Every structure is written in C-alpha cells, then in structure tokens.
Amino acid sequence: MKIRPLLGILLLTLILSSCFSHHYNVGEGVRVEKTEEVTAKNHFLAFGLIPIKRSKLETLVGDTINYEVYTRMTPQDMFVSALTIGFYTPTTTTVTLPAEKLKRNTNRKVRRRED
C-alpha cells in the first residue's frame, strides 16, 4: 500500500519537472521607477526538448541597452503541459524595459584620422 503514494509523487515529479524560472539582467538592468513589460510565449515539444518557436529578444527590446529578462512557466503553461502530458510545453518570457527608452545617438559625425 505504500507504493501508491510513492508512484503519485514520482508521477508528479515527472509532470512538473520542467517548472523553472530564469531571471537575468542585460547591461545595468532596469534602475528606474517607471517601467513597461513586454511578454511573449515560447513553444516547445517533448518536455521542452524540441523548440518550435522562441521569442526573439531583439524584437522585444528594440534599441534599449539596459533591461531585465524573466523566463518561466506560468500556472497556465503548467496546466497546458500537464493536459498534453508534456508533449507540448509552453513557457513565458517577460522583458522589463525602462518607460523612457534610451536611444543611441546615430546622428553624430565621426571624425576620421587621415595619415
């Protein structure tokens, strides 16, 4: 009779094995009070081993130099993954940007040395 709870824990561990969160800063991170968040979905097959579609940070960030990236499985993602028994595994990526984006100065003229 002790085998059923053990099998239940093992099954739950296998189903929720891809629960993760990954947080990192790019540049100096976001050090301002006013921020905006951009969210995109990532799509994987076979417990996250085969990528179908990944969110591209270049399109989410634009010209911003300092930002934060947070990739995780939300409860909705876990539900969909459990419903498909891990065949389809979505994740969510959220990028936090400063509200006022710092734009690079592309209008300056560069003086070249002439030898």
Protein backbone atom coordinates (compact mmCIF):
# COMPACT_ATOMS: atom_id res chain seq x y z
CA MET A 1 0.00 0.00 0.00
CA LYS A 2 2.98 2.35 0.34
CA ILE A 3 3.64 2.04 -3.38
CA ARG A 4 0.68 4.21 -4.46
CA PRO A 5 1.82 7.39 -2.68
CA LEU A 6 5.36 6.79 -3.95
CA LEU A 7 4.09 6.37 -7.52
CA GLY A 8 1.98 9.51 -7.13
CA ILE A 9 4.99 11.52 -6.02
CA LEU A 10 7.08 10.09 -8.85
CA LEU A 11 4.39 10.92 -11.41
CA LEU A 12 4.00 14.45 -10.05
CA THR A 13 7.77 14.93 -10.19
CA LEU A 14 7.88 13.84 -13.81
CA ILE A 15 4.96 16.04 -14.83
CA LEU A 16 6.31 19.13 -13.08
CA SER A 17 9.97 18.50 -13.93
CA SER A 18 10.14 21.40 -16.36
CA CYS A 19 8.96 24.01 -13.86
CA PHE A 20 11.63 26.63 -13.84
CA SER A 21 12.29 30.32 -13.76
CA HIS A 22 15.31 32.14 -15.11
CA HIS A 23 15.98 35.81 -14.38
CA TYR A 24 18.90 37.87 -15.67
CA ASN A 25 19.89 41.50 -16.31
CA VAL A 26 21.36 42.85 -19.51
CA GLY A 27 23.56 45.91 -19.21
CA GLU A 28 22.89 47.55 -15.87
CA GLY A 29 19.37 46.17 -15.66
CA VAL A 30 16.41 48.48 -15.07
CA ARG A 31 17.19 51.10 -12.45
CA VAL A 32 14.28 53.47 -12.92
CA GLU A 33 10.87 53.60 -11.29
CA LYS A 34 8.75 53.77 -14.45
CA THR A 35 8.97 50.54 -16.41
CA GLU A 36 7.00 48.68 -19.01
CA GLU A 37 6.78 44.94 -19.56
CA VAL A 38 6.67 43.09 -22.86
CA THR A 39 5.59 39.45 -22.74
CA ALA A 40 5.96 36.71 -25.36
CA LYS A 41 5.34 32.96 -25.46
CA ASN A 42 7.85 30.22 -26.29
CA HIS A 43 6.61 26.90 -27.71
CA PHE A 44 8.34 23.52 -27.27
CA LEU A 45 7.60 19.83 -27.87
CA ALA A 46 8.66 16.70 -25.95
CA PHE A 47 9.03 18.19 -22.45
CA GLY A 48 10.84 21.25 -23.81
CA LEU A 49 13.47 19.39 -25.82
CA ILE A 50 12.34 20.41 -29.32
CA PRO A 51 11.86 24.17 -29.85
CA ILE A 52 9.04 25.19 -32.19
CA LYS A 53 9.01 28.95 -31.69
CA ARG A 54 11.14 31.05 -29.37
CA SER A 55 10.60 34.70 -28.61
CA LYS A 56 13.30 36.91 -30.11
CA LEU A 57 14.71 39.39 -27.62
CA GLU A 58 15.81 41.74 -30.41
CA THR A 59 12.20 42.36 -31.39
CA LEU A 60 11.02 42.70 -27.78
CA VAL A 61 13.78 45.07 -26.69
CA GLY A 62 14.42 47.27 -29.72
CA ASP A 63 17.25 49.77 -29.15
CA THR A 64 17.19 49.59 -25.35
CA ILE A 65 20.57 48.88 -23.80
CA ASN A 66 19.56 48.05 -20.19
CA TYR A 67 16.72 45.60 -19.49
CA GLU A 68 15.72 42.53 -17.46
CA VAL A 69 14.60 39.17 -18.83
CA TYR A 70 12.43 36.72 -16.86
CA THR A 71 11.58 33.33 -18.40
CA ARG A 72 9.24 31.00 -16.53
CA MET A 73 6.41 28.51 -16.67
CA THR A 74 3.24 30.21 -15.53
CA PRO A 75 0.42 28.17 -13.94
CA GLN A 76 -1.40 28.31 -17.28
CA ASP A 77 1.70 26.93 -19.02
CA MET A 78 1.95 24.12 -16.45
CA PHE A 79 -1.74 23.29 -16.94
CA VAL A 80 -1.38 23.04 -20.72
CA SER A 81 1.78 20.95 -20.35
CA ALA A 82 0.06 18.58 -17.90
CA LEU A 83 -3.01 18.39 -20.16
CA THR A 84 -0.86 17.28 -23.10
CA ILE A 85 1.25 15.02 -20.85
CA GLY A 86 4.34 17.03 -21.72
CA PHE A 87 4.01 16.68 -25.48
CA TYR A 88 3.50 20.45 -25.83
CA THR A 89 5.31 22.66 -23.31
CA PRO A 90 4.86 26.46 -23.45
CA THR A 91 6.90 28.97 -21.44
CA THR A 92 6.54 32.73 -20.95
CA THR A 93 9.27 35.35 -21.38
CA THR A 94 8.79 38.81 -19.86
CA VAL A 95 11.17 41.66 -20.65
CA THR A 96 11.16 44.68 -18.32
CA LEU A 97 12.21 47.90 -20.03
CA PRO A 98 12.58 51.49 -18.83
CA ALA A 99 9.49 53.52 -19.76
CA GLU A 100 11.67 56.12 -21.43
CA LYS A 101 13.89 54.20 -23.77
CA LEU A 102 17.46 55.37 -24.15
CA LYS A 103 18.13 55.83 -27.81
CA ARG A 104 21.54 55.63 -29.32
CA ASN A 105 22.86 58.81 -30.89
CA THR A 106 23.11 57.89 -34.56
CA ASN A 107 23.32 61.48 -35.84
CA ARG A 108 26.80 62.30 -34.57
CA LYS A 109 29.57 62.69 -37.06
CA VAL A 110 32.70 60.67 -36.62
CA ARG A 111 35.99 62.29 -37.50
CA ARG A 112 38.46 60.01 -39.14
CA ARG A 113 42.17 60.32 -38.91
CA GLU A 114 43.92 60.94 -42.13
CA ASP A 115 47.51 59.73 -42.22
